[in-house]
Amino acid sequence: MENKDKITSAEVYNGPVWQAQMVINLLQNAGIEAFLQNEASGSLHLPWASPGGVGVSKVVVSGTNYEKARKIVEKYEDNSDDETSHDDNH
């Protein structure tokens, strides 16, 4: 049986578990289903054995929501960078 409507997933963010969870909340508030991937294994892998280092988790969405989700994630990352630069100035 051939499935032409195969659903694909796409990674839209990777980072510390607590930030990944914040991204998931933002995406879900926008009506996008998002999932945390590698939460347990990301926190157990050694930095040299896990791409991205210790505690890294991925946020995954349906491929059909990728563009919308990336815009939300980019806005989140821009705001996070702004807060970090303000903290550095104090």
PDB file of N, CA and C in Angstrom:
ATOM      1  N   MET A   1       0.837  -1.176   0.000  1.00  0.00           N
ATOM      2  CA  MET A   1       0.000   0.000   0.000  1.00  0.00           C
ATOM      3  C   MET A   1       0.886   1.245   0.000  1.00  0.00           C
ATOM      4  N   GLU A   2       0.626   2.145  -0.908  1.00  0.00           N
ATOM      5  CA  GLU A   2       1.419   3.363  -1.037  1.00  0.00           C
ATOM      6  C   GLU A   2       0.739   4.495  -0.283  1.00  0.00           C
ATOM      7  N   ASN A   3       1.530   5.235   0.501  1.00  0.00           N
ATOM      8  CA  ASN A   3       0.978   6.337   1.278  1.00  0.00           C
ATOM      9  C   ASN A   3       1.527   7.646   0.720  1.00  0.00           C
ATOM     10  N   LYS A   4       0.729   8.350  -0.066  1.00  0.00           N
ATOM     11  CA  LYS A   4       1.167   9.602  -0.671  1.00  0.00           C
ATOM     12  C   LYS A   4       1.107  10.771   0.304  1.00  0.00           C
ATOM     13  N   ASP A   5       0.369  10.612   1.383  1.00  0.00           N
ATOM     14  CA  ASP A   5       0.203  11.682   2.364  1.00  0.00           C
ATOM     15  C   ASP A   5       1.101  11.472   3.582  1.00  0.00           C
ATOM     16  N   LYS A   6       2.286  10.978   3.343  1.00  0.00           N
ATOM     17  CA  LYS A   6       3.208  10.702   4.439  1.00  0.00           C
ATOM     18  C   LYS A   6       3.561  11.994   5.175  1.00  0.00           C
ATOM     19  N   ILE A   7       3.439  11.960   6.477  1.00  0.00           N
ATOM     20  CA  ILE A   7       3.747  13.121   7.304  1.00  0.00           C
ATOM     21  C   ILE A   7       5.230  13.086   7.660  1.00  0.00           C
ATOM     22  N   THR A   8       5.887  14.197   7.439  1.00  0.00           N
ATOM     23  CA  THR A   8       7.300  14.300   7.806  1.00  0.00           C
ATOM     24  C   THR A   8       7.430  15.232   8.992  1.00  0.00           C
ATOM     25  N   SER A   9       8.527  15.076   9.710  1.00  0.00           N
ATOM     26  CA  SER A   9       8.791  15.969  10.825  1.00  0.00           C
ATOM     27  C   SER A   9      10.014  16.817  10.494  1.00  0.00           C
ATOM     28  N   ALA A  10      10.085  17.968  11.137  1.00  0.00           N
ATOM     29  CA  ALA A  10      11.196  18.874  10.883  1.00  0.00           C
ATOM     30  C   ALA A  10      11.645  19.495  12.200  1.00  0.00           C
ATOM     31  N   GLU A  11      12.945  19.548  12.393  1.00  0.00           N
ATOM     32  CA  GLU A  11      13.511  20.180  13.585  1.00  0.00           C
ATOM     33  C   GLU A  11      13.498  21.694  13.396  1.00  0.00           C
ATOM     34  N   VAL A  12      12.961  22.414  14.381  1.00  0.00           N
ATOM     35  CA  VAL A  12      12.920  23.874  14.297  1.00  0.00           C
ATOM     36  C   VAL A  12      13.788  24.540  15.358  1.00  0.00           C
ATOM     37  N   TYR A  13      14.242  23.771  16.346  1.00  0.00           N
ATOM     38  CA  TYR A  13      15.055  24.357  17.411  1.00  0.00           C
ATOM     39  C   TYR A  13      15.821  23.246  18.091  1.00  0.00           C
ATOM     40  N   ASN A  14      17.026  23.564  18.558  1.00  0.00           N
ATOM     41  CA  ASN A  14      17.702  22.668  19.493  1.00  0.00           C
ATOM     42  C   ASN A  14      18.453  23.514  20.490  1.00  0.00           C
ATOM     43  N   GLY A  15      18.427  23.078  21.727  1.00  0.00           N
ATOM     44  CA  GLY A  15      19.054  23.829  22.797  1.00  0.00           C
ATOM     45  C   GLY A  15      18.774  23.162  24.130  1.00  0.00           C
ATOM     46  N   PRO A  16      19.041  23.880  25.213  1.00  0.00           N
ATOM     47  CA  PRO A  16      18.786  23.319  26.549  1.00  0.00           C
ATOM     48  C   PRO A  16      17.315  22.943  26.713  1.00  0.00           C
ATOM     49  N   VAL A  17      17.069  21.923  27.511  1.00  0.00           N
ATOM     50  CA  VAL A  17      15.718  21.404  27.693  1.00  0.00           C
ATOM     51  C   VAL A  17      14.756  22.510  28.117  1.00  0.00           C
ATOM     52  N   TRP A  18      15.161  23.377  29.036  1.00  0.00           N
ATOM     53  CA  TRP A  18      14.235  24.406  29.540  1.00  0.00           C
ATOM     54  C   TRP A  18      13.860  25.401  28.436  1.00  0.00           C
ATOM     55  N   GLN A  19      14.801  25.736  27.557  1.00  0.00           N
ATOM     56  CA  GLN A  19      14.472  26.637  26.452  1.00  0.00           C
ATOM     57  C   GLN A  19      13.638  25.921  25.394  1.00  0.00           C
ATOM     58  N   ALA A  20      13.947  24.673  25.146  1.00  0.00           N
ATOM     59  CA  ALA A  20      13.166  23.893  24.187  1.00  0.00           C
ATOM     60  C   ALA A  20      11.709  23.813  24.643  1.00  0.00           C
ATOM     61  N   GLN A  21      11.496  23.672  25.943  1.00  0.00           N
ATOM     62  CA  GLN A  21      10.132  23.611  26.462  1.00  0.00           C
ATOM     63  C   GLN A  21       9.424  24.955  26.286  1.00  0.00           C
ATOM     64  N   MET A  22      10.152  26.055  26.439  1.00  0.00           N
ATOM     65  CA  MET A  22       9.567  27.378  26.206  1.00  0.00           C
ATOM     66  C   MET A  22       9.157  27.521  24.743  1.00  0.00           C
ATOM     67  N   VAL A  23      10.000  27.053  23.838  1.00  0.00           N
ATOM     68  CA  VAL A  23       9.690  27.107  22.407  1.00  0.00           C
ATOM     69  C   VAL A  23       8.441  26.280  22.106  1.00  0.00           C
ATOM     70  N   ILE A  24       8.340  25.107  22.702  1.00  0.00           N
ATOM     71  CA  ILE A  24       7.155  24.269  22.501  1.00  0.00           C
ATOM     72  C   ILE A  24       5.906  25.014  22.952  1.00  0.00           C
ATOM     73  N   ASN A  25       5.972  25.679  24.107  1.00  0.00           N
ATOM     74  CA  ASN A  25       4.815  26.432  24.596  1.00  0.00           C
ATOM     75  C   ASN A  25       4.422  27.531  23.621  1.00  0.00           C
ATOM     76  N   LEU A  26       5.405  28.254  23.081  1.00  0.00           N
ATOM     77  CA  LEU A  26       5.120  29.310  22.107  1.00  0.00           C
ATOM     78  C   LEU A  26       4.452  28.740  20.855  1.00  0.00           C
ATOM     79  N   LEU A  27       4.981  27.637  20.376  1.00  0.00           N
ATOM     80  CA  LEU A  27       4.423  27.014  19.171  1.00  0.00           C
ATOM     81  C   LEU A  27       3.007  26.505  19.420  1.00  0.00           C
ATOM     82  N   GLN A  28       2.788  25.873  20.555  1.00  0.00           N
ATOM     83  CA  GLN A  28       1.453  25.359  20.862  1.00  0.00           C
ATOM     84  C   GLN A  28       0.455  26.508  21.029  1.00  0.00           C
ATOM     85  N   ASN A  29       0.885  27.626  21.602  1.00  0.00           N
ATOM     86  CA  ASN A  29       0.014  28.790  21.715  1.00  0.00           C
ATOM     87  C   ASN A  29      -0.372  29.332  20.339  1.00  0.00           C
ATOM     88  N   ALA A  30       0.465  29.101  19.336  1.00  0.00           N
ATOM     89  CA  ALA A  30       0.193  29.534  17.967  1.00  0.00           C
ATOM     90  C   ALA A  30      -0.580  28.464  17.185  1.00  0.00           C
ATOM     91  N   GLY A  31      -0.954  27.385  17.860  1.00  0.00           N
ATOM     92  CA  GLY A  31      -1.727  26.334  17.215  1.00  0.00           C
ATOM     93  C   GLY A  31      -0.903  25.304  16.473  1.00  0.00           C
ATOM     94  N   ILE A  32       0.400  25.246  16.759  1.00  0.00           N
ATOM     95  CA  ILE A  32       1.297  24.294  16.094  1.00  0.00           C
ATOM     96  C   ILE A  32       1.670  23.196  17.084  1.00  0.00           C
ATOM     97  N   GLU A  33       1.388  21.946  16.711  1.00  0.00           N
ATOM     98  CA  GLU A  33       1.811  20.834  17.552  1.00  0.00           C
ATOM     99  C   GLU A  33       3.320  20.713  17.478  1.00  0.00           C
ATOM    100  N   ALA A  34       3.942  20.629  18.640  1.00  0.00           N
ATOM    101  CA  ALA A  34       5.400  20.516  18.700  1.00  0.00           C
ATOM    102  C   ALA A  34       5.763  19.476  19.753  1.00  0.00           C
ATOM    103  N   PHE A  35       6.888  18.827  19.534  1.00  0.00           N
ATOM    104  CA  PHE A  35       7.313  17.751  20.417  1.00  0.00           C
ATOM    105  C   PHE A  35       8.783  17.893  20.765  1.00  0.00           C
ATOM    106  N   LEU A  36       9.114  17.462  21.971  1.00  0.00           N
ATOM    107  CA  LEU A  36      10.493  17.446  22.435  1.00  0.00           C
ATOM    108  C   LEU A  36      11.091  16.102  22.080  1.00  0.00           C
ATOM    109  N   GLN A  37      12.246  16.129  21.443  1.00  0.00           N
ATOM    110  CA  GLN A  37      12.906  14.897  21.029  1.00  0.00           C
ATOM    111  C   GLN A  37      14.253  14.800  21.729  1.00  0.00           C
ATOM    112  N   ASN A  38      14.596  13.607  22.173  1.00  0.00           N
ATOM    113  CA  ASN A  38      15.887  13.328  22.810  1.00  0.00           C
ATOM    114  C   ASN A  38      16.053  13.998  24.162  1.00  0.00           C
ATOM    115  N   GLU A  39      14.960  14.221  24.874  1.00  0.00           N
ATOM    116  CA  GLU A  39      15.069  14.874  26.183  1.00  0.00           C
ATOM    117  C   GLU A  39      15.948  14.050  27.112  1.00  0.00           C
ATOM    118  N   ALA A  40      15.662  12.754  27.228  1.00  0.00           N
ATOM    119  CA  ALA A  40      16.435  11.922  28.157  1.00  0.00           C
ATOM    120  C   ALA A  40      17.838  11.675  27.634  1.00  0.00           C
ATOM    121  N   SER A  41      17.959  11.279  26.383  1.00  0.00           N
ATOM    122  CA  SER A  41      19.286  10.956  25.859  1.00  0.00           C
ATOM    123  C   SER A  41      20.137  12.207  25.712  1.00  0.00           C
ATOM    124  N   GLY A  42      19.523  13.346  25.400  1.00  0.00           N
ATOM    125  CA  GLY A  42      20.283  14.585  25.263  1.00  0.00           C
ATOM    126  C   GLY A  42      20.939  14.989  26.565  1.00  0.00           C
ATOM    127  N   SER A  43      20.289  14.690  27.683  1.00  0.00           N
ATOM    128  CA  SER A  43      20.858  15.097  28.955  1.00  0.00           C
ATOM    129  C   SER A  43      21.858  14.076  29.495  1.00  0.00           C
ATOM    130  N   LEU A  44      21.923  12.907  28.874  1.00  0.00           N
ATOM    131  CA  LEU A  44      22.831  11.870  29.353  1.00  0.00           C
ATOM    132  C   LEU A  44      24.102  11.752  28.522  1.00  0.00           C
ATOM    133  N   HIS A  45      24.070  12.237  27.284  1.00  0.00           N
ATOM    134  CA  HIS A  45      25.245  12.106  26.415  1.00  0.00           C
ATOM    135  C   HIS A  45      26.362  13.042  26.851  1.00  0.00           C
ATOM    136  N   LEU A  46      27.568  12.596  26.653  1.00  0.00           N
ATOM    137  CA  LEU A  46      28.727  13.425  26.949  1.00  0.00           C
ATOM    138  C   LEU A  46      28.898  14.472  25.860  1.00  0.00           C
ATOM    139  N   PRO A  47      29.463  15.639  26.186  1.00  0.00           N
ATOM    140  CA  PRO A  47      29.570  16.717  25.192  1.00  0.00           C
ATOM    141  C   PRO A  47      30.250  16.294  23.899  1.00  0.00           C
ATOM    142  N   TRP A  48      31.260  15.450  23.976  1.00  0.00           N
ATOM    143  CA  TRP A  48      31.973  15.048  22.773  1.00  0.00           C
ATOM    144  C   TRP A  48      31.237  13.942  22.014  1.00  0.00           C
ATOM    145  N   ALA A  49      30.201  13.348  22.624  1.00  0.00           N
ATOM    146  CA  ALA A  49      29.468  12.272  21.970  1.00  0.00           C
ATOM    147  C   ALA A  49      28.118  12.729  21.436  1.00  0.00           C
ATOM    148  N   SER A  50      27.671  13.905  21.835  1.00  0.00           N
ATOM    149  CA  SER A  50      26.354  14.383  21.455  1.00  0.00           C
ATOM    150  C   SER A  50      26.471  15.716  20.730  1.00  0.00           C
ATOM    151  N   PRO A  51      26.009  15.784  19.474  1.00  0.00           N
ATOM    152  CA  PRO A  51      26.066  17.068  18.768  1.00  0.00           C
ATOM    153  C   PRO A  51      25.318  18.138  19.549  1.00  0.00           C
ATOM    154  N   GLY A  52      25.966  19.238  19.825  1.00  0.00           N
ATOM    155  CA  GLY A  52      25.332  20.317  20.559  1.00  0.00           C
ATOM    156  C   GLY A  52      25.651  20.320  22.035  1.00  0.00           C
ATOM    157  N   GLY A  53      26.190  19.222  22.555  1.00  0.00           N
ATOM    158  CA  GLY A  53      26.614  19.203  23.946  1.00  0.00           C
ATOM    159  C   GLY A  53      25.602  18.590  24.895  1.00  0.00           C
ATOM    160  N   VAL A  54      25.868  18.761  26.174  1.00  0.00           N
ATOM    161  CA  VAL A  54      25.064  18.166  27.236  1.00  0.00           C
ATOM    162  C   VAL A  54      23.726  18.884  27.349  1.00  0.00           C
ATOM    163  N   GLY A  55      22.666  18.118  27.568  1.00  0.00           N
ATOM    164  CA  GLY A  55      21.364  18.684  27.840  1.00  0.00           C
ATOM    165  C   GLY A  55      20.655  19.269  26.643  1.00  0.00           C
ATOM    166  N   VAL A  56      21.099  18.944  25.446  1.00  0.00           N
ATOM    167  CA  VAL A  56      20.490  19.507  24.246  1.00  0.00           C
ATOM    168  C   VAL A  56      19.286  18.660  23.840  1.00  0.00           C
ATOM    169  N   SER A  57      18.184  19.341  23.590  1.00  0.00           N
ATOM    170  CA  SER A  57      16.974  18.695  23.106  1.00  0.00           C
ATOM    171  C   SER A  57      16.509  19.391  21.842  1.00  0.00           C
ATOM    172  N   LYS A  58      15.791  18.649  21.025  1.00  0.00           N
ATOM    173  CA  LYS A  58      15.292  19.188  19.761  1.00  0.00           C
ATOM    174  C   LYS A  58      13.787  19.396  19.855  1.00  0.00           C
ATOM    175  N   VAL A  59      13.321  20.467  19.223  1.00  0.00           N
ATOM    176  CA  VAL A  59      11.890  20.690  19.079  1.00  0.00           C
ATOM    177  C   VAL A  59      11.548  20.338  17.637  1.00  0.00           C
ATOM    178  N   VAL A  60      10.548  19.478  17.482  1.00  0.00           N
ATOM    179  CA  VAL A  60      10.163  18.957  16.185  1.00  0.00           C
ATOM    180  C   VAL A  60       8.696  19.281  15.917  1.00  0.00           C
ATOM    181  N   VAL A  61       8.412  19.676  14.676  1.00  0.00           N
ATOM    182  CA  VAL A  61       7.042  19.945  14.240  1.00  0.00           C
ATOM    183  C   VAL A  61       6.774  19.170  12.957  1.00  0.00           C
ATOM    184  N   SER A  62       5.522  19.151  12.553  1.00  0.00           N
ATOM    185  CA  SER A  62       5.164  18.575  11.260  1.00  0.00           C
ATOM    186  C   SER A  62       5.798  19.411  10.162  1.00  0.00           C
ATOM    187  N   GLY A  63       6.259  18.751   9.119  1.00  0.00           N
ATOM    188  CA  GLY A  63       6.874  19.462   8.006  1.00  0.00           C
ATOM    189  C   GLY A  63       5.971  20.520   7.404  1.00  0.00           C
ATOM    190  N   THR A  64       4.655  20.312   7.479  1.00  0.00           N
ATOM    191  CA  THR A  64       3.720  21.292   6.917  1.00  0.00           C
ATOM    192  C   THR A  64       3.684  22.585   7.727  1.00  0.00           C
ATOM    193  N   ASN A  65       4.137  22.534   8.976  1.00  0.00           N
ATOM    194  CA  ASN A  65       4.150  23.719   9.839  1.00  0.00           C
ATOM    195  C   ASN A  65       5.535  24.339   9.978  1.00  0.00           C
ATOM    196  N   TYR A  66       6.495  23.825   9.237  1.00  0.00           N
ATOM    197  CA  TYR A  66       7.890  24.236   9.429  1.00  0.00           C
ATOM    198  C   TYR A  66       8.093  25.750   9.280  1.00  0.00           C
ATOM    199  N   GLU A  67       7.626  26.327   8.193  1.00  0.00           N
ATOM    200  CA  GLU A  67       7.876  27.754   7.937  1.00  0.00           C
ATOM    201  C   GLU A  67       7.286  28.636   9.033  1.00  0.00           C
ATOM    202  N   LYS A  68       6.048  28.374   9.389  1.00  0.00           N
ATOM    203  CA  LYS A  68       5.391  29.157  10.445  1.00  0.00           C
ATOM    204  C   LYS A  68       6.130  28.984  11.775  1.00  0.00           C
ATOM    205  N   ALA A  69       6.519  27.758  12.071  1.00  0.00           N
ATOM    206  CA  ALA A  69       7.218  27.479  13.325  1.00  0.00           C
ATOM    207  C   ALA A  69       8.583  28.169  13.362  1.00  0.00           C
ATOM    208  N   ARG A  70       9.316  28.141  12.254  1.00  0.00           N
ATOM    209  CA  ARG A  70      10.640  28.782  12.211  1.00  0.00           C
ATOM    210  C   ARG A  70      10.540  30.281  12.477  1.00  0.00           C
ATOM    211  N   LYS A  71       9.493  30.930  11.961  1.00  0.00           N
ATOM    212  CA  LYS A  71       9.313  32.363  12.210  1.00  0.00           C
ATOM    213  C   LYS A  71       9.132  32.637  13.698  1.00  0.00           C
ATOM    214  N   ILE A  72       8.365  31.793  14.368  1.00  0.00           N
ATOM    215  CA  ILE A  72       8.145  31.945  15.807  1.00  0.00           C
ATOM    216  C   ILE A  72       9.441  31.705  16.564  1.00  0.00           C
ATOM    217  N   VAL A  73      10.177  30.669  16.182  1.00  0.00           N
ATOM    218  CA  VAL A  73      11.447  30.349  16.845  1.00  0.00           C
ATOM    219  C   VAL A  73      12.465  31.469  16.623  1.00  0.00           C
ATOM    220  N   GLU A  74      12.531  31.997  15.410  1.00  0.00           N
ATOM    221  CA  GLU A  74      13.472  33.096  15.127  1.00  0.00           C
ATOM    222  C   GLU A  74      13.160  34.319  15.983  1.00  0.00           C
ATOM    223  N   LYS A  75      11.885  34.619  16.153  1.00  0.00           N
ATOM    224  CA  LYS A  75      11.489  35.753  16.997  1.00  0.00           C
ATOM    225  C   LYS A  75      11.907  35.495  18.448  1.00  0.00           C
ATOM    226  N   TYR A  76      11.697  34.265  18.917  1.00  0.00           N
ATOM    227  CA  TYR A  76      12.112  33.886  20.268  1.00  0.00           C
ATOM    228  C   TYR A  76      13.625  34.037  20.424  1.00  0.00           C
ATOM    229  N   GLU A  77      14.376  33.548  19.451  1.00  0.00           N
ATOM    230  CA  GLU A  77      15.838  33.634  19.521  1.00  0.00           C
ATOM    231  C   GLU A  77      16.308  35.087  19.489  1.00  0.00           C
ATOM    232  N   ASP A  78      15.679  35.912  18.664  1.00  0.00           N
ATOM    233  CA  ASP A  78      16.035  37.334  18.616  1.00  0.00           C
ATOM    234  C   ASP A  78      15.793  37.997  19.964  1.00  0.00           C
ATOM    235  N   ASN A  79      14.655  37.696  20.589  1.00  0.00           N
ATOM    236  CA  ASN A  79      14.347  38.268  21.901  1.00  0.00           C
ATOM    237  C   ASN A  79      15.308  37.762  22.967  1.00  0.00           C
ATOM    238  N   SER A  80      15.689  36.500  22.877  1.00  0.00           N
ATOM    239  CA  SER A  80      16.648  35.937  23.836  1.00  0.00           C
ATOM    240  C   SER A  80      18.000  36.610  23.693  1.00  0.00           C
ATOM    241  N   ASP A  81      18.424  36.868  22.448  1.00  0.00           N
ATOM    242  CA  ASP A  81      19.696  37.554  22.204  1.00  0.00           C
ATOM    243  C   ASP A  81      19.650  38.974  22.749  1.00  0.00           C
ATOM    244  N   ASP A  82      18.515  39.668  22.579  1.00  0.00           N
ATOM    245  CA  ASP A  82      18.366  41.030  23.089  1.00  0.00           C
ATOM    246  C   ASP A  82      18.502  41.062  24.600  1.00  0.00           C
ATOM    247  N   GLU A  83      17.875  40.097  25.289  1.00  0.00           N
ATOM    248  CA  GLU A  83      17.955  40.050  26.746  1.00  0.00           C
ATOM    249  C   GLU A  83      19.379  39.777  27.205  1.00  0.00           C
ATOM    250  N   THR A  84      20.084  38.911  26.502  1.00  0.00           N
ATOM    251  CA  THR A  84      21.460  38.589  26.850  1.00  0.00           C
ATOM    252  C   THR A  84      22.349  39.817  26.693  1.00  0.00           C
ATOM    253  N   SER A  85      22.169  40.582  25.629  1.00  0.00           N
ATOM    254  CA  SER A  85      23.000  41.762  25.422  1.00  0.00           C
ATOM    255  C   SER A  85      22.696  42.844  26.464  1.00  0.00           C
ATOM    256  N   HIS A  86      21.439  42.933  26.936  1.00  0.00           N
ATOM    257  CA  HIS A  86      21.110  43.880  27.992  1.00  0.00           C
ATOM    258  C   HIS A  86      21.771  43.466  29.307  1.00  0.00           C
ATOM    259  N   ASP A  87      21.789  42.155  29.567  1.00  0.00           N
ATOM    260  CA  ASP A  87      22.431  41.665  30.787  1.00  0.00           C
ATOM    261  C   ASP A  87      23.927  41.930  30.783  1.00  0.00           C
ATOM    262  N   ASP A  88      24.550  41.873  29.613  1.00  0.00           N
ATOM    263  CA  ASP A  88      25.988  42.119  29.503  1.00  0.00           C
ATOM    264  C   ASP A  88      26.340  43.570  29.760  1.00  0.00           C
ATOM    265  N   ASN A  89      25.387  44.485  29.545  1.00  0.00           N
ATOM    266  CA  ASN A  89      25.635  45.907  29.727  1.00  0.00           C
ATOM    267  C   ASN A  89      25.524  46.351  31.168  1.00  0.00           C
ATOM    268  N   HIS A  90      25.094  45.484  32.066  1.00  0.00           N
ATOM    269  CA  HIS A  90      24.919  45.883  33.472  1.00  0.00           C
ATOM    270  C   HIS A  90      26.048  45.418  34.318  1.00  0.00           C
TER     271      HIS A  90
END
